Amino acid sequence: QVQLVESGGGLVQPGGSLRLSCAASGSIFSIEAMGWYRQAPGKQRELVASETSGGTTNYSDSVKGRFTISRDNAKNTVYLQMNSLKPEDTAVYYCNALMLVINTRVQRDVYWGQGTQVTVSS
């Protein structure tokens, strides 16, 4: 089975840092892109950062200059380094991956992690 396993969430003070990790495992043919979304209570889920297999990155304007996404292709793992955290960064953060998975035949699909809570206190 294919799954994404997240870790690294927690409680930090404003200005602090956290590093989120997400590892993909299972019958994976290839991973085309991995990224992070977040959803705060009462708000829509939004893209935080993503990176393609070719190394192209994309960031939300609200996190540019503070967050950095990186990948370890050998480990099928994506990281999100979050610095200078603000209270408005408080949300559940979800890892996702666009992958080609192996069933009867190779099939393209998007997978999501379980979510990890990031809380930035005031």
PDB file of N, CA and C in Angstrom:
ATOM      1  N   GLN A   1       0.828  -1.180   0.000  1.00  0.00           N
ATOM      2  CA  GLN A   1       0.000   0.000   0.000  1.00  0.00           C
ATOM      3  C   GLN A   1       0.875   1.247   0.000  1.00  0.00           C
ATOM      4  N   VAL A   2       0.363   2.283  -0.598  1.00  0.00           N
ATOM      5  CA  VAL A   2       1.074   3.544  -0.693  1.00  0.00           C
ATOM      6  C   VAL A   2       0.590   4.470   0.418  1.00  0.00           C
ATOM      7  N   GLN A   3       1.517   5.108   1.089  1.00  0.00           N
ATOM      8  CA  GLN A   3       1.148   6.037   2.134  1.00  0.00           C
ATOM      9  C   GLN A   3       2.212   7.105   2.315  1.00  0.00           C
ATOM     10  N   LEU A   4       1.804   8.201   2.943  1.00  0.00           N
ATOM     11  CA  LEU A   4       2.696   9.280   3.323  1.00  0.00           C
ATOM     12  C   LEU A   4       2.693   9.390   4.840  1.00  0.00           C
ATOM     13  N   VAL A   5       3.864   9.446   5.430  1.00  0.00           N
ATOM     14  CA  VAL A   5       4.005   9.517   6.873  1.00  0.00           C
ATOM     15  C   VAL A   5       4.663  10.837   7.234  1.00  0.00           C
ATOM     16  N   GLU A   6       3.973  11.648   8.031  1.00  0.00           N
ATOM     17  CA  GLU A   6       4.430  12.976   8.400  1.00  0.00           C
ATOM     18  C   GLU A   6       4.941  12.995   9.831  1.00  0.00           C
ATOM     19  N   SER A   7       5.805  13.962  10.102  1.00  0.00           N
ATOM     20  CA  SER A   7       6.288  14.184  11.453  1.00  0.00           C
ATOM     21  C   SER A   7       6.827  15.603  11.554  1.00  0.00           C
ATOM     22  N   GLY A   8       6.986  16.092  12.790  1.00  0.00           N
ATOM     23  CA  GLY A   8       7.654  17.357  13.019  1.00  0.00           C
ATOM     24  C   GLY A   8       6.792  18.493  13.522  1.00  0.00           C
ATOM     25  N   GLY A   9       5.478  18.320  13.555  1.00  0.00           N
ATOM     26  CA  GLY A   9       4.617  19.381  14.048  1.00  0.00           C
ATOM     27  C   GLY A   9       4.768  19.583  15.542  1.00  0.00           C
ATOM     28  N   GLY A  10       4.253  20.708  16.021  1.00  0.00           N
ATOM     29  CA  GLY A  10       4.342  20.991  17.438  1.00  0.00           C
ATOM     30  C   GLY A  10       3.973  22.415  17.760  1.00  0.00           C
ATOM     31  N   LEU A  11       4.314  22.812  18.977  1.00  0.00           N
ATOM     32  CA  LEU A  11       4.031  24.144  19.500  1.00  0.00           C
ATOM     33  C   LEU A  11       5.327  24.929  19.597  1.00  0.00           C
ATOM     34  N   VAL A  12       5.332  26.129  19.030  1.00  0.00           N
ATOM     35  CA  VAL A  12       6.506  26.995  19.078  1.00  0.00           C
ATOM     36  C   VAL A  12       6.074  28.428  19.349  1.00  0.00           C
ATOM     37  N   GLN A  13       7.017  29.228  19.830  1.00  0.00           N
ATOM     38  CA  GLN A  13       6.776  30.650  20.031  1.00  0.00           C
ATOM     39  C   GLN A  13       6.953  31.415  18.735  1.00  0.00           C
ATOM     40  N   PRO A  14       6.317  32.572  18.609  1.00  0.00           N
ATOM     41  CA  PRO A  14       6.565  33.400  17.429  1.00  0.00           C
ATOM     42  C   PRO A  14       8.051  33.656  17.236  1.00  0.00           C
ATOM     43  N   GLY A  15       8.486  33.566  15.989  1.00  0.00           N
ATOM     44  CA  GLY A  15       9.892  33.705  15.672  1.00  0.00           C
ATOM     45  C   GLY A  15      10.671  32.412  15.715  1.00  0.00           C
ATOM     46  N   GLY A  16      10.055  31.359  16.198  1.00  0.00           N
ATOM     47  CA  GLY A  16      10.713  30.072  16.288  1.00  0.00           C
ATOM     48  C   GLY A  16      10.702  29.321  14.979  1.00  0.00           C
ATOM     49  N   SER A  17      11.217  28.085  15.029  1.00  0.00           N
ATOM     50  CA  SER A  17      11.362  27.265  13.833  1.00  0.00           C
ATOM     51  C   SER A  17      10.864  25.851  14.071  1.00  0.00           C
ATOM     52  N   LEU A  18      10.406  25.230  13.001  1.00  0.00           N
ATOM     53  CA  LEU A  18      10.049  23.824  12.977  1.00  0.00           C
ATOM     54  C   LEU A  18      10.465  23.244  11.637  1.00  0.00           C
ATOM     55  N   ARG A  19      10.723  21.954  11.634  1.00  0.00           N
ATOM     56  CA  ARG A  19      11.012  21.247  10.397  1.00  0.00           C
ATOM     57  C   ARG A  19      10.068  20.062  10.264  1.00  0.00           C
ATOM     58  N   LEU A  20       9.258  20.076   9.220  1.00  0.00           N
ATOM     59  CA  LEU A  20       8.335  18.991   8.944  1.00  0.00           C
ATOM     60  C   LEU A  20       8.964  18.012   7.964  1.00  0.00           C
ATOM     61  N   SER A  21       8.650  16.735   8.151  1.00  0.00           N
ATOM     62  CA  SER A  21       9.135  15.692   7.265  1.00  0.00           C
ATOM     63  C   SER A  21       7.965  14.858   6.776  1.00  0.00           C
ATOM     64  N   CYS A  22       8.082  14.347   5.566  1.00  0.00           N
ATOM     65  CA  CYS A  22       7.057  13.489   4.994  1.00  0.00           C
ATOM     66  C   CYS A  22       7.730  12.469   4.088  1.00  0.00           C
ATOM     67  N   ALA A  23       7.538  11.199   4.402  1.00  0.00           N
ATOM     68  CA  ALA A  23       8.138  10.120   3.638  1.00  0.00           C
ATOM     69  C   ALA A  23       7.060   9.299   2.939  1.00  0.00           C
ATOM     70  N   ALA A  24       7.253   9.064   1.659  1.00  0.00           N
ATOM     71  CA  ALA A  24       6.349   8.230   0.880  1.00  0.00           C
ATOM     72  C   ALA A  24       6.877   6.806   0.818  1.00  0.00           C
ATOM     73  N   SER A  25       5.966   5.843   0.908  1.00  0.00           N
ATOM     74  CA  SER A  25       6.359   4.446   0.840  1.00  0.00           C
ATOM     75  C   SER A  25       5.276   3.645   0.140  1.00  0.00           C
ATOM     76  N   GLY A  26       5.643   2.465  -0.335  1.00  0.00           N
ATOM     77  CA  GLY A  26       4.712   1.581  -1.016  1.00  0.00           C
ATOM     78  C   GLY A  26       5.155   1.258  -2.425  1.00  0.00           C
ATOM     79  N   SER A  27       4.209   0.784  -3.220  1.00  0.00           N
ATOM     80  CA  SER A  27       4.493   0.381  -4.600  1.00  0.00           C
ATOM     81  C   SER A  27       4.472   1.602  -5.511  1.00  0.00           C
ATOM     82  N   ILE A  28       5.542   2.343  -5.456  1.00  0.00           N
ATOM     83  CA  ILE A  28       5.656   3.614  -6.162  1.00  0.00           C
ATOM     84  C   ILE A  28       6.550   3.440  -7.374  1.00  0.00           C
ATOM     85  N   PHE A  29       6.035   3.845  -8.512  1.00  0.00           N
ATOM     86  CA  PHE A  29       6.844   3.833  -9.721  1.00  0.00           C
ATOM     87  C   PHE A  29       7.728   5.074  -9.784  1.00  0.00           C
ATOM     88  N   SER A  30       7.134   6.221  -9.517  1.00  0.00           N
ATOM     89  CA  SER A  30       7.890   7.462  -9.479  1.00  0.00           C
ATOM     90  C   SER A  30       7.066   8.525  -8.752  1.00  0.00           C
ATOM     91  N   ILE A  31       7.755   9.536  -8.259  1.00  0.00           N
ATOM     92  CA  ILE A  31       7.118  10.681  -7.626  1.00  0.00           C
ATOM     93  C   ILE A  31       7.403  11.906  -8.481  1.00  0.00           C
ATOM     94  N   GLU A  32       6.358  12.512  -8.982  1.00  0.00           N
ATOM     95  CA  GLU A  32       6.519  13.644  -9.882  1.00  0.00           C
ATOM     96  C   GLU A  32       6.582  14.973  -9.140  1.00  0.00           C
ATOM     97  N   ALA A  33       5.903  15.050  -8.006  1.00  0.00           N
ATOM     98  CA  ALA A  33       5.919  16.276  -7.224  1.00  0.00           C
ATOM     99  C   ALA A  33       5.518  15.966  -5.791  1.00  0.00           C
ATOM    100  N   MET A  34       6.059  16.723  -4.860  1.00  0.00           N
ATOM    101  CA  MET A  34       5.666  16.635  -3.464  1.00  0.00           C
ATOM    102  C   MET A  34       5.495  18.046  -2.930  1.00  0.00           C
ATOM    103  N   GLY A  35       4.629  18.185  -1.941  1.00  0.00           N
ATOM    104  CA  GLY A  35       4.395  19.511  -1.413  1.00  0.00           C
ATOM    105  C   GLY A  35       3.694  19.502  -0.078  1.00  0.00           C
ATOM    106  N   TRP A  36       3.441  20.713   0.397  1.00  0.00           N
ATOM    107  CA  TRP A  36       2.778  20.931   1.673  1.00  0.00           C
ATOM    108  C   TRP A  36       1.615  21.890   1.506  1.00  0.00           C
ATOM    109  N   TYR A  37       0.494  21.528   2.097  1.00  0.00           N
ATOM    110  CA  TYR A  37      -0.672  22.381   2.209  1.00  0.00           C
ATOM    111  C   TYR A  37      -0.947  22.630   3.686  1.00  0.00           C
ATOM    112  N   ARG A  38      -1.750  23.645   3.959  1.00  0.00           N
ATOM    113  CA  ARG A  38      -2.172  23.877   5.330  1.00  0.00           C
ATOM    114  C   ARG A  38      -3.614  24.352   5.351  1.00  0.00           C
ATOM    115  N   GLN A  39      -4.267  24.104   6.467  1.00  0.00           N
ATOM    116  CA  GLN A  39      -5.645  24.520   6.643  1.00  0.00           C
ATOM    117  C   GLN A  39      -5.862  24.969   8.079  1.00  0.00           C
ATOM    118  N   ALA A  40      -6.225  26.217   8.235  1.00  0.00           N
ATOM    119  CA  ALA A  40      -6.560  26.770   9.533  1.00  0.00           C
ATOM    120  C   ALA A  40      -8.066  26.675   9.742  1.00  0.00           C
ATOM    121  N   PRO A  41      -8.515  26.669  10.996  1.00  0.00           N
ATOM    122  CA  PRO A  41      -9.953  26.584  11.260  1.00  0.00           C
ATOM    123  C   PRO A  41     -10.728  27.685  10.555  1.00  0.00           C
ATOM    124  N   GLY A  42     -11.779  27.308   9.854  1.00  0.00           N
ATOM    125  CA  GLY A  42     -12.616  28.260   9.157  1.00  0.00           C
ATOM    126  C   GLY A  42     -12.055  28.786   7.851  1.00  0.00           C
ATOM    127  N   LYS A  43     -10.916  28.280   7.423  1.00  0.00           N
ATOM    128  CA  LYS A  43     -10.289  28.741   6.193  1.00  0.00           C
ATOM    129  C   LYS A  43     -10.132  27.586   5.213  1.00  0.00           C
ATOM    130  N   GLN A  44      -9.970  27.941   3.954  1.00  0.00           N
ATOM    131  CA  GLN A  44      -9.750  26.943   2.924  1.00  0.00           C
ATOM    132  C   GLN A  44      -8.323  26.415   2.990  1.00  0.00           C
ATOM    133  N   ARG A  45      -8.159  25.200   2.537  1.00  0.00           N
ATOM    134  CA  ARG A  45      -6.826  24.629   2.427  1.00  0.00           C
ATOM    135  C   ARG A  45      -6.045  25.369   1.355  1.00  0.00           C
ATOM    136  N   GLU A  46      -4.802  25.676   1.636  1.00  0.00           N
ATOM    137  CA  GLU A  46      -3.977  26.420   0.707  1.00  0.00           C
ATOM    138  C   GLU A  46      -2.629  25.750   0.513  1.00  0.00           C
ATOM    139  N   LEU A  47      -2.093  25.931  -0.661  1.00  0.00           N
ATOM    140  CA  LEU A  47      -0.754  25.437  -0.953  1.00  0.00           C
ATOM    141  C   LEU A  47       0.274  26.292  -0.234  1.00  0.00           C
ATOM    142  N   VAL A  48       1.188  25.639   0.459  1.00  0.00           N
ATOM    143  CA  VAL A  48       2.276  26.325   1.136  1.00  0.00           C
ATOM    144  C   VAL A  48       3.528  26.313   0.270  1.00  0.00           C
ATOM    145  N   ALA A  49       3.922  25.131  -0.167  1.00  0.00           N
ATOM    146  CA  ALA A  49       5.124  24.989  -0.977  1.00  0.00           C
ATOM    147  C   ALA A  49       5.083  23.655  -1.699  1.00  0.00           C
ATOM    148  N   SER A  50       5.721  23.591  -2.848  1.00  0.00           N
ATOM    149  CA  SER A  50       5.798  22.344  -3.596  1.00  0.00           C
ATOM    150  C   SER A  50       7.099  22.304  -4.370  1.00  0.00           C
ATOM    151  N   GLU A  51       7.489  21.093  -4.731  1.00  0.00           N
ATOM    152  CA  GLU A  51       8.696  20.903  -5.531  1.00  0.00           C
ATOM    153  C   GLU A  51       8.477  19.734  -6.475  1.00  0.00           C
ATOM    154  N   THR A  52       8.799  19.931  -7.738  1.00  0.00           N
ATOM    155  CA  THR A  52       8.676  18.874  -8.727  1.00  0.00           C
ATOM    156  C   THR A  52       9.917  18.008  -8.723  1.00  0.00           C
ATOM    157  N   SER A  53       9.825  16.887  -9.426  1.00  0.00           N
ATOM    158  CA  SER A  53      10.975  15.998  -9.531  1.00  0.00           C
ATOM    159  C   SER A  53      12.141  16.669 -10.230  1.00  0.00           C
ATOM    160  N   GLY A  54      11.854  17.678 -11.042  1.00  0.00           N
ATOM    161  CA  GLY A  54      12.899  18.418 -11.718  1.00  0.00           C
ATOM    162  C   GLY A  54      13.519  19.523 -10.888  1.00  0.00           C
ATOM    163  N   GLY A  55      13.014  19.739  -9.672  1.00  0.00           N
ATOM    164  CA  GLY A  55      13.591  20.717  -8.778  1.00  0.00           C
ATOM    165  C   GLY A  55      12.925  22.077  -8.781  1.00  0.00           C
ATOM    166  N   THR A  56      11.863  22.239  -9.545  1.00  0.00           N
ATOM    167  CA  THR A  56      11.142  23.509  -9.560  1.00  0.00           C
ATOM    168  C   THR A  56      10.334  23.667  -8.277  1.00  0.00           C
ATOM    169  N   THR A  57      10.482  24.807  -7.618  1.00  0.00           N
ATOM    170  CA  THR A  57       9.775  25.063  -6.366  1.00  0.00           C
ATOM    171  C   THR A  57       8.736  26.150  -6.547  1.00  0.00           C
ATOM    172  N   ASN A  58       7.728  26.100  -5.684  1.00  0.00           N
ATOM    173  CA  ASN A  58       6.652  27.072  -5.691  1.00  0.00           C
ATOM    174  C   ASN A  58       6.253  27.349  -4.247  1.00  0.00           C
ATOM    175  N   TYR A  59       6.099  28.626  -3.906  1.00  0.00           N
ATOM    176  CA  TYR A  59       5.770  29.024  -2.545  1.00  0.00           C
ATOM    177  C   TYR A  59       4.588  29.975  -2.522  1.00  0.00           C
ATOM    178  N   SER A  60       3.799  29.848  -1.482  1.00  0.00           N
ATOM    179  CA  SER A  60       2.795  30.857  -1.195  1.00  0.00           C
ATOM    180  C   SER A  60       3.483  32.176  -0.867  1.00  0.00           C
ATOM    181  N   ASP A  61       2.896  33.283  -1.290  1.00  0.00           N
ATOM    182  CA  ASP A  61       3.480  34.588  -1.003  1.00  0.00           C
ATOM    183  C   ASP A  61       3.645  34.822   0.494  1.00  0.00           C
ATOM    184  N   SER A  62       2.781  34.254   1.287  1.00  0.00           N
ATOM    185  CA  SER A  62       2.814  34.486   2.718  1.00  0.00           C
ATOM    186  C   SER A  62       3.995  33.815   3.418  1.00  0.00           C
ATOM    187  N   VAL A  63       4.653  32.867   2.754  1.00  0.00           N
ATOM    188  CA  VAL A  63       5.757  32.153   3.393  1.00  0.00           C
ATOM    189  C   VAL A  63       7.083  32.348   2.683  1.00  0.00           C
ATOM    190  N   LYS A  64       7.098  33.036   1.571  1.00  0.00           N
ATOM    191  CA  LYS A  64       8.343  33.258   0.840  1.00  0.00           C
ATOM    192  C   LYS A  64       9.368  33.965   1.722  1.00  0.00           C
ATOM    193  N   GLY A  65      10.577  33.465   1.687  1.00  0.00           N
ATOM    194  CA  GLY A  65      11.646  34.023   2.492  1.00  0.00           C
ATOM    195  C   GLY A  65      11.727  33.459   3.886  1.00  0.00           C
ATOM    196  N   ARG A  66      10.708  32.720   4.314  1.00  0.00           N
ATOM    197  CA  ARG A  66      10.689  32.138   5.654  1.00  0.00           C
ATOM    198  C   ARG A  66      10.701  30.610   5.627  1.00  0.00           C
ATOM    199  N   PHE A  67      10.010  30.030   4.655  1.00  0.00           N
ATOM    200  CA  PHE A  67       9.919  28.574   4.547  1.00  0.00           C
ATOM    201  C   PHE A  67      10.769  28.088   3.384  1.00  0.00           C
ATOM    202  N   THR A  68      11.297  26.885   3.521  1.00  0.00           N
ATOM    203  CA  THR A  68      12.082  26.267   2.460  1.00  0.00           C
ATOM    204  C   THR A  68      11.664  24.815   2.308  1.00  0.00           C
ATOM    205  N   ILE A  69      11.322  24.427   1.087  1.00  0.00           N
ATOM    206  CA  ILE A  69      10.989  23.041   0.804  1.00  0.00           C
ATOM    207  C   ILE A  69      12.203  22.365   0.171  1.00  0.00           C
ATOM    208  N   SER A  70      12.425  21.124   0.522  1.00  0.00           N
ATOM    209  CA  SER A  70      13.518  20.362  -0.051  1.00  0.00           C
ATOM    210  C   SER A  70      13.120  18.897  -0.130  1.00  0.00           C
ATOM    211  N   ARG A  71      13.816  18.145  -0.965  1.00  0.00           N
ATOM    212  CA  ARG A  71      13.508  16.731  -1.162  1.00  0.00           C
ATOM    213  C   ARG A  71      14.765  15.891  -1.102  1.00  0.00           C
ATOM    214  N   ASP A  72      14.598  14.684  -0.609  1.00  0.00           N
ATOM    215  CA  ASP A  72      15.618  13.655  -0.680  1.00  0.00           C
ATOM    216  C   ASP A  72      15.021  12.555  -1.549  1.00  0.00           C
ATOM    217  N   ASN A  73      15.376  12.564  -2.818  1.00  0.00           N
ATOM    218  CA  ASN A  73      14.764  11.635  -3.760  1.00  0.00           C
ATOM    219  C   ASN A  73      15.077  10.173  -3.431  1.00  0.00           C
ATOM    220  N   ALA A  74      16.256   9.918  -2.909  1.00  0.00           N
ATOM    221  CA  ALA A  74      16.627   8.556  -2.562  1.00  0.00           C
ATOM    222  C   ALA A  74      15.745   7.991  -1.458  1.00  0.00           C
ATOM    223  N   LYS A  75      15.253   8.859  -0.581  1.00  0.00           N
ATOM    224  CA  LYS A  75      14.411   8.433   0.534  1.00  0.00           C
ATOM    225  C   LYS A  75      12.934   8.706   0.296  1.00  0.00           C
ATOM    226  N   ASN A  76      12.594   9.246  -0.873  1.00  0.00           N
ATOM    227  CA  ASN A  76      11.205   9.619  -1.170  1.00  0.00           C
ATOM    228  C   ASN A  76      10.620  10.491  -0.062  1.00  0.00           C
ATOM    229  N   THR A  77      11.389  11.457   0.363  1.00  0.00           N
ATOM    230  CA  THR A  77      11.021  12.286   1.497  1.00  0.00           C
ATOM    231  C   THR A  77      11.075  13.763   1.116  1.00  0.00           C
ATOM    232  N   VAL A  78      10.108  14.519   1.607  1.00  0.00           N
ATOM    233  CA  VAL A  78      10.078  15.957   1.421  1.00  0.00           C
ATOM    234  C   VAL A  78      10.102  16.619   2.793  1.00  0.00           C
ATOM    235  N   TYR A  79      10.785  17.761   2.882  1.00  0.00           N
ATOM    236  CA  TYR A  79      10.914  18.494   4.123  1.00  0.00           C
ATOM    237  C   TYR A  79      10.382  19.910   3.942  1.00  0.00           C
ATOM    238  N   LEU A  80       9.926  20.478   5.031  1.00  0.00           N
ATOM    239  CA  LEU A  80       9.542  21.880   5.057  1.00  0.00           C
ATOM    240  C   LEU A  80      10.197  22.527   6.267  1.00  0.00           C
ATOM    241  N   GLN A  81      11.216  23.327   6.015  1.00  0.00           N
ATOM    242  CA  GLN A  81      11.870  24.086   7.068  1.00  0.00           C
ATOM    243  C   GLN A  81      11.128  25.399   7.243  1.00  0.00           C
ATOM    244  N   MET A  82      10.600  25.625   8.425  1.00  0.00           N
ATOM    245  CA  MET A  82       9.797  26.802   8.711  1.00  0.00           C
ATOM    246  C   MET A  82      10.522  27.663   9.734  1.00  0.00           C
ATOM    247  N   ASN A  83      10.919  28.850   9.320  1.00  0.00           N
ATOM    248  CA  ASN A  83      11.605  29.796  10.179  1.00  0.00           C
ATOM    249  C   ASN A  83      10.767  31.053  10.361  1.00  0.00           C
ATOM    250  N   SER A  84      11.110  31.820  11.379  1.00  0.00           N
ATOM    251  CA  SER A  84      10.408  33.073  11.665  1.00  0.00           C
ATOM    252  C   SER A  84       8.901  32.874  11.699  1.00  0.00           C
ATOM    253  N   LEU A  85       8.476  31.866  12.418  1.00  0.00           N
ATOM    254  CA  LEU A  85       7.062  31.508  12.445  1.00  0.00           C
ATOM    255  C   LEU A  85       6.219  32.609  13.079  1.00  0.00           C
ATOM    256  N   LYS A  86       5.026  32.764  12.536  1.00  0.00           N
ATOM    257  CA  LYS A  86       4.074  33.762  12.986  1.00  0.00           C
ATOM    258  C   LYS A  86       2.799  33.078  13.470  1.00  0.00           C
ATOM    259  N   PRO A  87       2.029  33.738  14.323  1.00  0.00           N
ATOM    260  CA  PRO A  87       0.774  33.131  14.766  1.00  0.00           C
ATOM    261  C   PRO A  87      -0.148  32.746  13.612  1.00  0.00           C
ATOM    262  N   GLU A  88      -0.134  33.506  12.528  1.00  0.00           N
ATOM    263  CA  GLU A  88      -0.977  33.186  11.390  1.00  0.00           C
ATOM    264  C   GLU A  88      -0.527  31.942  10.630  1.00  0.00           C
ATOM    265  N   ASP A  89       0.635  31.396  10.973  1.00  0.00           N
ATOM    266  CA  ASP A  89       1.067  30.129  10.401  1.00  0.00           C
ATOM    267  C   ASP A  89       0.398  28.934  11.083  1.00  0.00           C
ATOM    268  N   THR A  90      -0.303  29.175  12.166  1.00  0.00           N
ATOM    269  CA  THR A  90      -0.973  28.101  12.885  1.00  0.00           C
ATOM    270  C   THR A  90      -1.996  27.419  11.990  1.00  0.00           C
ATOM    271  N   ALA A  91      -1.870  26.109  11.836  1.00  0.00           N
ATOM    272  CA  ALA A  91      -2.753  25.342  10.964  1.00  0.00           C
ATOM    273  C   ALA A  91      -2.387  23.873  11.058  1.00  0.00           C
ATOM    274  N   VAL A  92      -3.231  23.045  10.465  1.00  0.00           N
ATOM    275  CA  VAL A  92      -2.865  21.662  10.216  1.00  0.00           C
ATOM    276  C   VAL A  92      -2.156  21.610   8.880  1.00  0.00           C
ATOM    277  N   TYR A  93      -0.975  21.050   8.864  1.00  0.00           N
ATOM    278  CA  TYR A  93      -0.172  20.968   7.659  1.00  0.00           C
ATOM    279  C   TYR A  93      -0.253  19.565   7.081  1.00  0.00           C
ATOM    280  N   TYR A  94      -0.545  19.491   5.790  1.00  0.00           N
ATOM    281  CA  TYR A  94      -0.718  18.224   5.100  1.00  0.00           C
ATOM    282  C   TYR A  94       0.346  18.055   4.030  1.00  0.00           C
ATOM    283  N   CYS A  95       0.981  16.929   4.043  1.00  0.00           N
ATOM    284  CA  CYS A  95       1.886  16.546   2.973  1.00  0.00           C
ATOM    285  C   CYS A  95       1.082  15.933   1.833  1.00  0.00           C
ATOM    286  N   ASN A  96       1.489  16.202   0.608  1.00  0.00           N
ATOM    287  CA  ASN A  96       0.886  15.491  -0.509  1.00  0.00           C
ATOM    288  C   ASN A  96       1.936  15.175  -1.563  1.00  0.00           C
ATOM    289  N   ALA A  97       1.585  14.214  -2.417  1.00  0.00           N
ATOM    290  CA  ALA A  97       2.507  13.799  -3.462  1.00  0.00           C
ATOM    291  C   ALA A  97       1.732  13.375  -4.691  1.00  0.00           C
ATOM    292  N   LEU A  98       2.196  13.818  -5.833  1.00  0.00           N
ATOM    293  CA  LEU A  98       1.691  13.347  -7.117  1.00  0.00           C
ATOM    294  C   LEU A  98       2.599  12.198  -7.539  1.00  0.00           C
ATOM    295  N   MET A  99       2.028  11.007  -7.610  1.00  0.00           N
ATOM    296  CA  MET A  99       2.835   9.818  -7.816  1.00  0.00           C
ATOM    297  C   MET A  99       2.258   8.920  -8.891  1.00  0.00           C
ATOM    298  N   LEU A 100       3.134   8.169  -9.513  1.00  0.00           N
ATOM    299  CA  LEU A 100       2.755   7.046 -10.349  1.00  0.00           C
ATOM    300  C   LEU A 100       2.896   5.796  -9.492  1.00  0.00           C
ATOM    301  N   VAL A 101       1.775   5.156  -9.207  1.00  0.00           N
ATOM    302  CA  VAL A 101       1.768   3.978  -8.345  1.00  0.00           C
ATOM    303  C   VAL A 101       1.491   2.734  -9.167  1.00  0.00           C
ATOM    304  N   ILE A 102       1.893   1.598  -8.634  1.00  0.00           N
ATOM    305  CA  ILE A 102       1.795   0.337  -9.349  1.00  0.00           C
ATOM    306  C   ILE A 102       0.610  -0.466  -8.820  1.00  0.00           C
ATOM    307  N   ASN A 103      -0.410  -0.620  -9.634  1.00  0.00           N
ATOM    308  CA  ASN A 103      -1.517  -1.534  -9.373  1.00  0.00           C
ATOM    309  C   ASN A 103      -1.482  -2.598 -10.469  1.00  0.00           C
ATOM    310  N   THR A 104      -2.595  -2.811 -11.157  1.00  0.00           N
ATOM    311  CA  THR A 104      -2.557  -3.678 -12.331  1.00  0.00           C
ATOM    312  C   THR A 104      -1.649  -3.070 -13.390  1.00  0.00           C
ATOM    313  N   ARG A 105      -1.705  -1.764 -13.475  1.00  0.00           N
ATOM    314  CA  ARG A 105      -0.817  -1.005 -14.330  1.00  0.00           C
ATOM    315  C   ARG A 105      -0.425   0.267 -13.602  1.00  0.00           C
ATOM    316  N   VAL A 106       0.528   0.969 -14.105  1.00  0.00           N
ATOM    317  CA  VAL A 106       0.949   2.208 -13.481  1.00  0.00           C
ATOM    318  C   VAL A 106      -0.172   3.236 -13.573  1.00  0.00           C
ATOM    319  N   GLN A 107      -0.474   3.876 -12.452  1.00  0.00           N
ATOM    320  CA  GLN A 107      -1.591   4.798 -12.369  1.00  0.00           C
ATOM    321  C   GLN A 107      -1.164   6.071 -11.654  1.00  0.00           C
ATOM    322  N   ARG A 108      -1.502   7.208 -12.209  1.00  0.00           N
ATOM    323  CA  ARG A 108      -1.192   8.499 -11.618  1.00  0.00           C
ATOM    324  C   ARG A 108      -2.246   8.873 -10.596  1.00  0.00           C
ATOM    325  N   ASP A 109      -1.817   9.325  -9.423  1.00  0.00           N
ATOM    326  CA  ASP A 109      -2.761   9.710  -8.400  1.00  0.00           C
ATOM    327  C   ASP A 109      -2.095  10.652  -7.400  1.00  0.00           C
ATOM    328  N   VAL A 110      -2.922  11.370  -6.646  1.00  0.00           N
ATOM    329  CA  VAL A 110      -2.459  12.266  -5.596  1.00  0.00           C
ATOM    330  C   VAL A 110      -2.737  11.624  -4.245  1.00  0.00           C
ATOM    331  N   TYR A 111      -1.732  11.598  -3.382  1.00  0.00           N
ATOM    332  CA  TYR A 111      -1.862  11.030  -2.049  1.00  0.00           C
ATOM    333  C   TYR A 111      -1.611  12.097  -1.005  1.00  0.00           C
ATOM    334  N   TRP A 112      -2.259  11.917   0.143  1.00  0.00           N
ATOM    335  CA  TRP A 112      -2.186  12.878   1.234  1.00  0.00           C
ATOM    336  C   TRP A 112      -1.743  12.212   2.521  1.00  0.00           C
ATOM    337  N   GLY A 113      -0.985  12.947   3.306  1.00  0.00           N
ATOM    338  CA  GLY A 113      -0.661  12.504   4.642  1.00  0.00           C
ATOM    339  C   GLY A 113      -1.808  12.771   5.594  1.00  0.00           C
ATOM    340  N   GLN A 114      -1.619  12.366   6.847  1.00  0.00           N
ATOM    341  CA  GLN A 114      -2.688  12.467   7.833  1.00  0.00           C
ATOM    342  C   GLN A 114      -2.829  13.871   8.410  1.00  0.00           C
ATOM    343  N   GLY A 115      -1.848  14.709   8.217  1.00  0.00           N
ATOM    344  CA  GLY A 115      -1.851  16.049   8.762  1.00  0.00           C
ATOM    345  C   GLY A 115      -1.122  16.120  10.087  1.00  0.00           C
ATOM    346  N   THR A 116      -0.433  17.228  10.306  1.00  0.00           N
ATOM    347  CA  THR A 116       0.261  17.454  11.564  1.00  0.00           C
ATOM    348  C   THR A 116       0.012  18.887  12.013  1.00  0.00           C
ATOM    349  N   GLN A 117      -0.295  19.054  13.289  1.00  0.00           N
ATOM    350  CA  GLN A 117      -0.663  20.358  13.825  1.00  0.00           C
ATOM    351  C   GLN A 117       0.568  21.199  14.096  1.00  0.00           C
ATOM    352  N   VAL A 118       0.549  22.417  13.596  1.00  0.00           N
ATOM    353  CA  VAL A 118       1.566  23.416  13.911  1.00  0.00           C
ATOM    354  C   VAL A 118       0.871  24.572  14.613  1.00  0.00           C
ATOM    355  N   THR A 119       1.302  24.870  15.823  1.00  0.00           N
ATOM    356  CA  THR A 119       0.716  25.948  16.606  1.00  0.00           C
ATOM    357  C   THR A 119       1.801  26.937  16.992  1.00  0.00           C
ATOM    358  N   VAL A 120       1.594  28.192  16.652  1.00  0.00           N
ATOM    359  CA  VAL A 120       2.523  29.266  16.979  1.00  0.00           C
ATOM    360  C   VAL A 120       1.825  30.175  17.983  1.00  0.00           C
ATOM    361  N   SER A 121       2.307  30.169  19.197  1.00  0.00           N
ATOM    362  CA  SER A 121       1.669  30.912  20.271  1.00  0.00           C
ATOM    363  C   SER A 121       2.018  32.394  20.204  1.00  0.00           C
ATOM    364  N   SER A 122       1.174  33.202  20.806  1.00  0.00           N
ATOM    365  CA  SER A 122       1.394  34.637  20.812  1.00  0.00           C
ATOM    366  C   SER A 122       2.076  35.080  22.099  1.00  0.00           C
TER     367      SER A 122
END
